[in-house]
Each structure stands twice: as C-alpha cells, then as structure tokens.
C-alpha cells in the first residue's frame, strides 16, 4: 500500500492533455488509470503510460484513499474537490 501509486496526484507530461492534473485511481505494470472528475470520470477514466505522467508526492485525503484501495464507490465530485483543494494549497 505504501509503494502503490493509487491516490497520488499526477500531471500529464505528454499528449493533448499536457499539464493536466489527475488523481491515480488504478495501476498495473506499465499503465496508470487517471481521473479528474470532470472530463475523465471515475466511470470512464484515462489510461496512460507511466512514463507519460509526472508522479507527485501528494495524495488525496486518507478517507478517500482507503475507499480507492478497497475499490468502493468514489464520486467524481470527490475527485474534483481533491484536485481543487490541491490547487488552492499550491497557491499559498
């Protein structure tokens, strides 16, 4: 769980969505599954190669992180809130 990328923020380094902030909601050997709650929803996330995203050390709220690991229902609004909260913290 500690070495997992799930729940961390990531910034796209390549593609038409360059510089877009996402939350990682899934991973496998070569790909991560990304969600921003707006265009890339929890139901239709974006798959991107790990080399095309910049992993960040910041993670989502602990309660949301637990639900992501348990594969419980996560709402798009929660993902949008976490990204908005991260952006507000970054500006301070």
PDB file of N, CA and C in Angstrom:
ATOM      1  N   UNK A   1       0.817  -1.182   0.000  1.00  0.00           N
ATOM      2  CA  UNK A   1       0.000   0.000   0.000  1.00  0.00           C
ATOM      3  C   UNK A   1       0.870   1.257   0.000  1.00  0.00           C
ATOM      4  N   UNK A   2       1.978   1.242   0.694  1.00  0.00           N
ATOM      5  CA  UNK A   2       2.835   2.414   0.761  1.00  0.00           C
ATOM      6  C   UNK A   2       3.580   2.666  -0.544  1.00  0.00           C
ATOM      7  N   UNK A   3       3.901   1.619  -1.295  1.00  0.00           N
ATOM      8  CA  UNK A   3       4.614   1.808  -2.549  1.00  0.00           C
ATOM      9  C   UNK A   3       3.665   1.911  -3.741  1.00  0.00           C
ATOM     10  N   UNK A   4       2.386   1.876  -3.490  1.00  0.00           N
ATOM     11  CA  UNK A   4       1.387   1.973  -4.542  1.00  0.00           C
ATOM     12  C   UNK A   4       1.228   3.427  -4.984  1.00  0.00           C
ATOM     13  N   UNK A   5       0.858   3.604  -6.227  1.00  0.00           N
ATOM     14  CA  UNK A   5       0.640   4.937  -6.782  1.00  0.00           C
ATOM     15  C   UNK A   5      -0.808   5.394  -6.638  1.00  0.00           C
ATOM     16  N   UNK A   6      -1.690   4.500  -6.257  1.00  0.00           N
ATOM     17  CA  UNK A   6      -3.112   4.827  -6.159  1.00  0.00           C
ATOM     18  C   UNK A   6      -3.317   5.924  -5.122  1.00  0.00           C
ATOM     19  N   UNK A   7      -4.090   6.929  -5.511  1.00  0.00           N
ATOM     20  CA  UNK A   7      -4.393   8.038  -4.620  1.00  0.00           C
ATOM     21  C   UNK A   7      -3.453   9.221  -4.751  1.00  0.00           C
ATOM     22  N   UNK A   8      -2.381   9.062  -5.497  1.00  0.00           N
ATOM     23  CA  UNK A   8      -1.434  10.166  -5.676  1.00  0.00           C
ATOM     24  C   UNK A   8      -1.879  11.064  -6.825  1.00  0.00           C
ATOM     25  N   UNK A   9      -1.448  12.307  -6.763  1.00  0.00           N
ATOM     26  CA  UNK A   9      -1.692  13.238  -7.860  1.00  0.00           C
ATOM     27  C   UNK A   9      -0.646  13.014  -8.933  1.00  0.00           C
ATOM     28  N   UNK A  10      -1.021  13.272 -10.176  1.00  0.00           N
ATOM     29  CA  UNK A  10      -0.101  13.131 -11.306  1.00  0.00           C
ATOM     30  C   UNK A  10      -0.399  14.226 -12.317  1.00  0.00           C
ATOM     31  N   UNK A  11       0.637  14.678 -12.997  1.00  0.00           N
ATOM     32  CA  UNK A  11       0.498  15.687 -14.048  1.00  0.00           C
ATOM     33  C   UNK A  11       0.900  15.044 -15.365  1.00  0.00           C
ATOM     34  N   UNK A  12       0.065  15.226 -16.376  1.00  0.00           N
ATOM     35  CA  UNK A  12       0.340  14.680 -17.693  1.00  0.00           C
ATOM     36  C   UNK A  12       1.532  15.407 -18.315  1.00  0.00           C
ATOM     37  N   UNK A  13       2.510  14.641 -18.822  1.00  0.00           N
ATOM     38  CA  UNK A  13       3.691  15.232 -19.457  1.00  0.00           C
ATOM     39  C   UNK A  13       3.603  15.229 -20.972  1.00  0.00           C
ATOM     40  N   UNK A  14       2.686  14.464 -21.537  1.00  0.00           N
ATOM     41  CA  UNK A  14       2.609  14.337 -22.991  1.00  0.00           C
ATOM     42  C   UNK A  14       1.165  14.173 -23.428  1.00  0.00           C
ATOM     43  N   UNK A  15       0.919  14.525 -24.671  1.00  0.00           N
ATOM     44  CA  UNK A  15      -0.401  14.361 -25.245  1.00  0.00           C
ATOM     45  C   UNK A  15      -1.185  15.663 -25.257  1.00  0.00           C
ATOM     46  N   UNK A  16      -2.426  15.578 -25.734  1.00  0.00           N
ATOM     47  CA  UNK A  16      -3.258  16.778 -25.816  1.00  0.00           C
ATOM     48  C   UNK A  16      -3.656  17.320 -24.452  1.00  0.00           C
ATOM     49  N   UNK A  17      -3.516  16.505 -23.403  1.00  0.00           N
ATOM     50  CA  UNK A  17      -3.864  16.916 -22.045  1.00  0.00           C
ATOM     51  C   UNK A  17      -2.636  17.315 -21.227  1.00  0.00           C
ATOM     52  N   UNK A  18      -1.579  17.712 -21.890  1.00  0.00           N
ATOM     53  CA  UNK A  18      -0.332  18.087 -21.216  1.00  0.00           C
ATOM     54  C   UNK A  18      -0.602  19.132 -20.130  1.00  0.00           C
ATOM     55  N   UNK A  19       0.015  18.954 -18.964  1.00  0.00           N
ATOM     56  CA  UNK A  19      -0.091  19.821 -17.790  1.00  0.00           C
ATOM     57  C   UNK A  19      -1.398  19.663 -17.020  1.00  0.00           C
ATOM     58  N   UNK A  20      -2.235  18.714 -17.390  1.00  0.00           N
ATOM     59  CA  UNK A  20      -3.494  18.466 -16.681  1.00  0.00           C
ATOM     60  C   UNK A  20      -3.205  17.673 -15.406  1.00  0.00           C
ATOM     61  N   UNK A  21      -3.860  18.039 -14.307  1.00  0.00           N
ATOM     62  CA  UNK A  21      -3.695  17.332 -13.038  1.00  0.00           C
ATOM     63  C   UNK A  21      -4.757  16.246 -12.924  1.00  0.00           C
ATOM     64  N   UNK A  22      -4.331  15.063 -12.534  1.00  0.00           N
ATOM     65  CA  UNK A  22      -5.212  13.914 -12.351  1.00  0.00           C
ATOM     66  C   UNK A  22      -4.953  13.281 -10.995  1.00  0.00           C
ATOM     67  N   UNK A  23      -5.874  12.406 -10.588  1.00  0.00           N
ATOM     68  CA  UNK A  23      -5.676  11.528  -9.439  1.00  0.00           C
ATOM     69  C   UNK A  23      -5.563  10.113  -9.993  1.00  0.00           C
ATOM     70  N   UNK A  24      -4.578   9.365  -9.529  1.00  0.00           N
ATOM     71  CA  UNK A  24      -4.389   7.985  -9.970  1.00  0.00           C
ATOM     72  C   UNK A  24      -5.363   7.103  -9.205  1.00  0.00           C
ATOM     73  N   UNK A  25      -6.252   6.418  -9.941  1.00  0.00           N
ATOM     74  CA  UNK A  25      -7.235   5.559  -9.291  1.00  0.00           C
ATOM     75  C   UNK A  25      -6.969   4.082  -9.544  1.00  0.00           C
ATOM     76  N   UNK A  26      -5.960   3.769 -10.356  1.00  0.00           N
ATOM     77  CA  UNK A  26      -5.601   2.386 -10.622  1.00  0.00           C
ATOM     78  C   UNK A  26      -4.247   2.317 -11.285  1.00  0.00           C
ATOM     79  N   UNK A  27      -3.616   1.152 -11.191  1.00  0.00           N
ATOM     80  CA  UNK A  27      -2.313   0.971 -11.825  1.00  0.00           C
ATOM     81  C   UNK A  27      -2.091  -0.495 -12.160  1.00  0.00           C
ATOM     82  N   UNK A  28      -1.235  -0.706 -13.156  1.00  0.00           N
ATOM     83  CA  UNK A  28      -0.704  -2.035 -13.438  1.00  0.00           C
ATOM     84  C   UNK A  28       0.769  -1.862 -13.790  1.00  0.00           C
ATOM     85  N   UNK A  29       1.375  -2.844 -14.401  1.00  0.00           N
ATOM     86  CA  UNK A  29       2.823  -2.821 -14.610  1.00  0.00           C
ATOM     87  C   UNK A  29       3.287  -1.629 -15.443  1.00  0.00           C
ATOM     88  N   UNK A  30       2.559  -1.294 -16.487  1.00  0.00           N
ATOM     89  CA  UNK A  30       3.026  -0.275 -17.423  1.00  0.00           C
ATOM     90  C   UNK A  30       2.135   0.965 -17.495  1.00  0.00           C
ATOM     91  N   UNK A  31       0.890   0.856 -17.037  1.00  0.00           N
ATOM     92  CA  UNK A  31      -0.082   1.935 -17.168  1.00  0.00           C
ATOM     93  C   UNK A  31      -0.620   2.380 -15.818  1.00  0.00           C
ATOM     94  N   UNK A  32      -1.099   3.623 -15.776  1.00  0.00           N
ATOM     95  CA  UNK A  32      -1.874   4.116 -14.643  1.00  0.00           C
ATOM     96  C   UNK A  32      -3.239   4.535 -15.169  1.00  0.00           C
ATOM     97  N   UNK A  33      -4.232   4.472 -14.307  1.00  0.00           N
ATOM     98  CA  UNK A  33      -5.576   4.899 -14.647  1.00  0.00           C
ATOM     99  C   UNK A  33      -5.823   6.219 -13.950  1.00  0.00           C
ATOM    100  N   UNK A  34      -6.177   7.240 -14.732  1.00  0.00           N
ATOM    101  CA  UNK A  34      -6.272   8.605 -14.225  1.00  0.00           C
ATOM    102  C   UNK A  34      -7.705   9.121 -14.274  1.00  0.00           C
ATOM    103  N   UNK A  35      -8.017   9.989 -13.322  1.00  0.00           N
ATOM    104  CA  UNK A  35      -9.342  10.584 -13.249  1.00  0.00           C
ATOM    105  C   UNK A  35      -9.205  12.036 -12.810  1.00  0.00           C
ATOM    106  N   UNK A  36      -9.992  12.925 -13.422  1.00  0.00           N
ATOM    107  CA  UNK A  36     -10.029  14.308 -12.955  1.00  0.00           C
ATOM    108  C   UNK A  36     -11.419  14.708 -12.477  1.00  0.00           C
ATOM    109  N   UNK A  37     -12.394  13.807 -12.595  1.00  0.00           N
ATOM    110  CA  UNK A  37     -13.740  14.065 -12.118  1.00  0.00           C
ATOM    111  C   UNK A  37     -14.567  14.948 -13.021  1.00  0.00           C
ATOM    112  N   UNK A  38     -13.964  15.480 -14.060  1.00  0.00           N
ATOM    113  CA  UNK A  38     -14.671  16.394 -14.956  1.00  0.00           C
ATOM    114  C   UNK A  38     -14.796  15.778 -16.340  1.00  0.00           C
ATOM    115  N   UNK A  39     -13.706  15.745 -17.083  1.00  0.00           N
ATOM    116  CA  UNK A  39     -13.720  15.139 -18.417  1.00  0.00           C
ATOM    117  C   UNK A  39     -13.435  13.644 -18.352  1.00  0.00           C
ATOM    118  N   UNK A  40     -12.529  13.271 -17.495  1.00  0.00           N
ATOM    119  CA  UNK A  40     -12.198  11.859 -17.290  1.00  0.00           C
ATOM    120  C   UNK A  40     -12.797  11.438 -15.959  1.00  0.00           C
ATOM    121  N   UNK A  41     -13.957  10.826 -16.034  1.00  0.00           N
ATOM    122  CA  UNK A  41     -14.709  10.488 -14.833  1.00  0.00           C
ATOM    123  C   UNK A  41     -14.255   9.154 -14.257  1.00  0.00           C
ATOM    124  N   UNK A  42     -14.790   8.824 -13.107  1.00  0.00           N
ATOM    125  CA  UNK A  42     -14.468   7.551 -12.466  1.00  0.00           C
ATOM    126  C   UNK A  42     -14.961   6.392 -13.328  1.00  0.00           C
ATOM    127  N   UNK A  43     -16.097   6.572 -13.992  1.00  0.00           N
ATOM    128  CA  UNK A  43     -16.658   5.523 -14.842  1.00  0.00           C
ATOM    129  C   UNK A  43     -15.912   5.369 -16.163  1.00  0.00           C
ATOM    130  N   UNK A  44     -15.327   6.450 -16.673  1.00  0.00           N
ATOM    131  CA  UNK A  44     -14.582   6.418 -17.935  1.00  0.00           C
ATOM    132  C   UNK A  44     -13.227   7.105 -17.743  1.00  0.00           C
ATOM    133  N   UNK A  45     -12.327   6.458 -17.000  1.00  0.00           N
ATOM    134  CA  UNK A  45     -11.025   7.077 -16.728  1.00  0.00           C
ATOM    135  C   UNK A  45     -10.090   7.004 -17.925  1.00  0.00           C
ATOM    136  N   UNK A  46      -8.968   7.695 -17.811  1.00  0.00           N
ATOM    137  CA  UNK A  46      -7.948   7.719 -18.864  1.00  0.00           C
ATOM    138  C   UNK A  46      -6.823   6.767 -18.475  1.00  0.00           C
ATOM    139  N   UNK A  47      -6.392   5.948 -19.417  1.00  0.00           N
ATOM    140  CA  UNK A  47      -5.217   5.101 -19.210  1.00  0.00           C
ATOM    141  C   UNK A  47      -4.039   5.766 -19.887  1.00  0.00           C
ATOM    142  N   UNK A  48      -2.928   5.841 -19.175  1.00  0.00           N
ATOM    143  CA  UNK A  48      -1.751   6.491 -19.725  1.00  0.00           C
ATOM    144  C   UNK A  48      -0.520   5.727 -19.252  1.00  0.00           C
ATOM    145  N   UNK A  49       0.483   5.671 -20.106  1.00  0.00           N
ATOM    146  CA  UNK A  49       1.738   5.026 -19.715  1.00  0.00           C
ATOM    147  C   UNK A  49       2.390   5.802 -18.586  1.00  0.00           C
ATOM    148  N   UNK A  50       3.042   5.073 -17.689  1.00  0.00           N
ATOM    149  CA  UNK A  50       3.674   5.716 -16.532  1.00  0.00           C
ATOM    150  C   UNK A  50       4.731   6.728 -16.944  1.00  0.00           C
ATOM    151  N   UNK A  51       5.402   6.478 -18.057  1.00  0.00           N
ATOM    152  CA  UNK A  51       6.453   7.404 -18.482  1.00  0.00           C
ATOM    153  C   UNK A  51       5.888   8.725 -18.998  1.00  0.00           C
ATOM    154  N   UNK A  52       4.575   8.787 -19.241  1.00  0.00           N
ATOM    155  CA  UNK A  52       3.956  10.000 -19.753  1.00  0.00           C
ATOM    156  C   UNK A  52       3.284  10.844 -18.673  1.00  0.00           C
ATOM    157  N   UNK A  53       3.462  10.451 -17.405  1.00  0.00           N
ATOM    158  CA  UNK A  53       2.915  11.246 -16.314  1.00  0.00           C
ATOM    159  C   UNK A  53       3.995  11.533 -15.280  1.00  0.00           C
ATOM    160  N   UNK A  54       3.898  12.698 -14.673  1.00  0.00           N
ATOM    161  CA  UNK A  54       4.805  13.099 -13.598  1.00  0.00           C
ATOM    162  C   UNK A  54       4.100  12.778 -12.285  1.00  0.00           C
ATOM    163  N   UNK A  55       4.611  11.790 -11.545  1.00  0.00           N
ATOM    164  CA  UNK A  55       4.033  11.420 -10.263  1.00  0.00           C
ATOM    165  C   UNK A  55       4.383  12.490  -9.232  1.00  0.00           C
ATOM    166  N   UNK A  56       3.456  12.772  -8.366  1.00  0.00           N
ATOM    167  CA  UNK A  56       3.683  13.763  -7.325  1.00  0.00           C
ATOM    168  C   UNK A  56       3.671  13.068  -5.972  1.00  0.00           C
ATOM    169  N   UNK A  57       4.266  13.705  -4.977  1.00  0.00           N
ATOM    170  CA  UNK A  57       4.332  13.091  -3.665  1.00  0.00           C
ATOM    171  C   UNK A  57       3.041  13.292  -2.873  1.00  0.00           C
ATOM    172  N   UNK A  58       2.173  14.166  -3.329  1.00  0.00           N
ATOM    173  CA  UNK A  58       0.926  14.460  -2.628  1.00  0.00           C
ATOM    174  C   UNK A  58      -0.128  13.403  -2.916  1.00  0.00           C
ATOM    175  N   UNK A  59      -0.925  13.095  -1.899  1.00  0.00           N
ATOM    176  CA  UNK A  59      -2.003  12.119  -2.052  1.00  0.00           C
ATOM    177  C   UNK A  59      -3.324  12.752  -1.648  1.00  0.00           C
ATOM    178  N   UNK A  60      -4.393  12.056  -1.972  1.00  0.00           N
ATOM    179  CA  UNK A  60      -5.728  12.517  -1.604  1.00  0.00           C
ATOM    180  C   UNK A  60      -5.952  12.296  -0.113  1.00  0.00           C
ATOM    181  N   UNK A  61      -7.081  12.745   0.386  1.00  0.00           N
ATOM    182  CA  UNK A  61      -7.484  12.592   1.779  1.00  0.00           C
ATOM    183  C   UNK A  61      -7.452  11.108   2.188  1.00  0.00           C
ATOM    184  N   UNK A  62      -7.130  10.848   3.440  1.00  0.00           N
ATOM    185  CA  UNK A  62      -6.978   9.471   3.928  1.00  0.00           C
ATOM    186  C   UNK A  62      -8.256   8.646   3.775  1.00  0.00           C
ATOM    187  N   UNK A  63      -9.411   9.251   4.010  1.00  0.00           N
ATOM    188  CA  UNK A  63     -10.679   8.517   3.885  1.00  0.00           C
ATOM    189  C   UNK A  63     -10.930   8.115   2.425  1.00  0.00           C
ATOM    190  N   UNK A  64     -10.672   9.032   1.513  1.00  0.00           N
ATOM    191  CA  UNK A  64     -10.838   8.728   0.090  1.00  0.00           C
ATOM    192  C   UNK A  64      -9.809   7.696  -0.365  1.00  0.00           C
ATOM    193  N   UNK A  65      -8.612   7.799   0.149  1.00  0.00           N
ATOM    194  CA  UNK A  65      -7.556   6.842  -0.193  1.00  0.00           C
ATOM    195  C   UNK A  65      -7.954   5.427   0.225  1.00  0.00           C
ATOM    196  N   UNK A  66      -8.516   5.285   1.414  1.00  0.00           N
ATOM    197  CA  UNK A  66      -8.977   3.971   1.887  1.00  0.00           C
ATOM    198  C   UNK A  66     -10.031   3.407   0.945  1.00  0.00           C
ATOM    199  N   UNK A  67     -10.962   4.255   0.494  1.00  0.00           N
ATOM    200  CA  UNK A  67     -12.016   3.786  -0.402  1.00  0.00           C
ATOM    201  C   UNK A  67     -11.480   3.424  -1.775  1.00  0.00           C
ATOM    202  N   UNK A  68     -10.445   4.129  -2.234  1.00  0.00           N
ATOM    203  CA  UNK A  68      -9.826   3.777  -3.517  1.00  0.00           C
ATOM    204  C   UNK A  68      -9.171   2.398  -3.434  1.00  0.00           C
ATOM    205  N   UNK A  69      -8.470   2.128  -2.332  1.00  0.00           N
ATOM    206  CA  UNK A  69      -7.825   0.827  -2.169  1.00  0.00           C
ATOM    207  C   UNK A  69      -8.846  -0.293  -2.008  1.00  0.00           C
ATOM    208  N   UNK A  70      -9.957   0.008  -1.335  1.00  0.00           N
ATOM    209  CA  UNK A  70     -10.996  -1.005  -1.119  1.00  0.00           C
ATOM    210  C   UNK A  70     -11.891  -1.182  -2.347  1.00  0.00           C
ATOM    211  N   UNK A  71     -11.663  -0.333  -3.363  1.00  0.00           N
ATOM    212  CA  UNK A  71     -12.455  -0.336  -4.596  1.00  0.00           C
ATOM    213  C   UNK A  71     -13.935  -0.077  -4.312  1.00  0.00           C
ATOM    214  N   UNK A  72     -14.201   0.770  -3.303  1.00  0.00           N
ATOM    215  CA  UNK A  72     -15.558   1.210  -3.005  1.00  0.00           C
ATOM    216  C   UNK A  72     -15.962   2.302  -3.982  1.00  0.00           C
ATOM    217  N   UNK A  73     -17.233   2.684  -3.946  1.00  0.00           N
ATOM    218  CA  UNK A  73     -17.753   3.725  -4.823  1.00  0.00           C
ATOM    219  C   UNK A  73     -17.115   5.068  -4.491  1.00  0.00           C
ATOM    220  N   UNK A  74     -16.546   5.710  -5.507  1.00  0.00           N
ATOM    221  CA  UNK A  74     -15.953   7.036  -5.384  1.00  0.00           C
ATOM    222  C   UNK A  74     -16.681   7.941  -6.372  1.00  0.00           C
ATOM    223  N   UNK A  75     -17.062   9.113  -5.908  1.00  0.00           N
ATOM    224  CA  UNK A  75     -17.798  10.049  -6.751  1.00  0.00           C
ATOM    225  C   UNK A  75     -16.848  11.005  -7.465  1.00  0.00           C
ATOM    226  N   UNK A  76     -17.275  11.461  -8.647  1.00  0.00           N
ATOM    227  CA  UNK A  76     -16.484  12.429  -9.407  1.00  0.00           C
ATOM    228  C   UNK A  76     -16.310  13.728  -8.631  1.00  0.00           C
ATOM    229  N   UNK A  77     -17.325  14.113  -7.874  1.00  0.00           N
ATOM    230  CA  UNK A  77     -17.260  15.346  -7.089  1.00  0.00           C
ATOM    231  C   UNK A  77     -16.138  15.283  -6.054  1.00  0.00           C
ATOM    232  N   UNK A  78     -15.907  14.104  -5.496  1.00  0.00           N
ATOM    233  CA  UNK A  78     -14.832  13.946  -4.515  1.00  0.00           C
ATOM    234  C   UNK A  78     -13.462  14.139  -5.164  1.00  0.00           C
ATOM    235  N   UNK A  79     -13.299  13.609  -6.368  1.00  0.00           N
ATOM    236  CA  UNK A  79     -12.036  13.765  -7.098  1.00  0.00           C
ATOM    237  C   UNK A  79     -11.837  15.242  -7.455  1.00  0.00           C
ATOM    238  N   UNK A  80     -12.899  15.900  -7.952  1.00  0.00           N
ATOM    239  CA  UNK A  80     -12.805  17.322  -8.290  1.00  0.00           C
ATOM    240  C   UNK A  80     -12.447  18.152  -7.060  1.00  0.00           C
ATOM    241  N   UNK A  81     -13.055  17.823  -5.916  1.00  0.00           N
ATOM    242  CA  UNK A  81     -12.774  18.546  -4.677  1.00  0.00           C
ATOM    243  C   UNK A  81     -11.306  18.392  -4.281  1.00  0.00           C
ATOM    244  N   UNK A  82     -10.774  17.182  -4.377  1.00  0.00           N
ATOM    245  CA  UNK A  82      -9.373  16.945  -4.002  1.00  0.00           C
ATOM    246  C   UNK A  82      -8.417  17.717  -4.910  1.00  0.00           C
ATOM    247  N   UNK A  83      -8.699  17.754  -6.212  1.00  0.00           N
ATOM    248  CA  UNK A  83      -7.842  18.496  -7.145  1.00  0.00           C
ATOM    249  C   UNK A  83      -7.942  19.991  -6.866  1.00  0.00           C
ATOM    250  N   UNK A  84      -9.141  20.482  -6.610  1.00  0.00           N
ATOM    251  CA  UNK A  84      -9.323  21.896  -6.285  1.00  0.00           C
ATOM    252  C   UNK A  84      -8.600  22.238  -4.989  1.00  0.00           C
ATOM    253  N   UNK A  85      -8.717  21.376  -4.000  1.00  0.00           N
ATOM    254  CA  UNK A  85      -8.044  21.581  -2.713  1.00  0.00           C
ATOM    255  C   UNK A  85      -6.521  21.597  -2.906  1.00  0.00           C
ATOM    256  N   UNK A  86      -6.008  20.687  -3.734  1.00  0.00           N
ATOM    257  CA  UNK A  86      -4.571  20.663  -4.021  1.00  0.00           C
ATOM    258  C   UNK A  86      -4.124  21.969  -4.683  1.00  0.00           C
ATOM    259  N   UNK A  87      -4.883  22.441  -5.675  1.00  0.00           N
ATOM    260  CA  UNK A  87      -4.540  23.690  -6.363  1.00  0.00           C
ATOM    261  C   UNK A  87      -4.543  24.882  -5.405  1.00  0.00           C
ATOM    262  N   UNK A  88      -5.503  24.922  -4.482  1.00  0.00           N
ATOM    263  CA  UNK A  88      -5.554  26.007  -3.503  1.00  0.00           C
ATOM    264  C   UNK A  88      -4.364  25.950  -2.563  1.00  0.00           C
ATOM    265  N   UNK A  89      -3.945  24.775  -2.146  1.00  0.00           N
ATOM    266  CA  UNK A  89      -2.796  24.618  -1.263  1.00  0.00           C
ATOM    267  C   UNK A  89      -1.517  25.025  -1.975  1.00  0.00           C
ATOM    268  N   UNK A  90      -1.429  24.721  -3.260  1.00  0.00           N
ATOM    269  CA  UNK A  90      -0.240  25.033  -4.040  1.00  0.00           C
ATOM    270  C   UNK A  90      -0.042  26.534  -4.177  1.00  0.00           C
ATOM    271  N   UNK A  91      -1.130  27.285  -4.230  1.00  0.00           N
ATOM    272  CA  UNK A  91      -1.052  28.729  -4.416  1.00  0.00           C
ATOM    273  C   UNK A  91      -0.652  29.468  -3.155  1.00  0.00           C
ATOM    274  N   UNK A  92      -0.818  28.839  -1.998  1.00  0.00           N
ATOM    275  CA  UNK A  92      -0.485  29.503  -0.721  1.00  0.00           C
ATOM    276  C   UNK A  92       1.000  29.588  -0.538  1.00  0.00           C
TER     277      UNK A  92
END
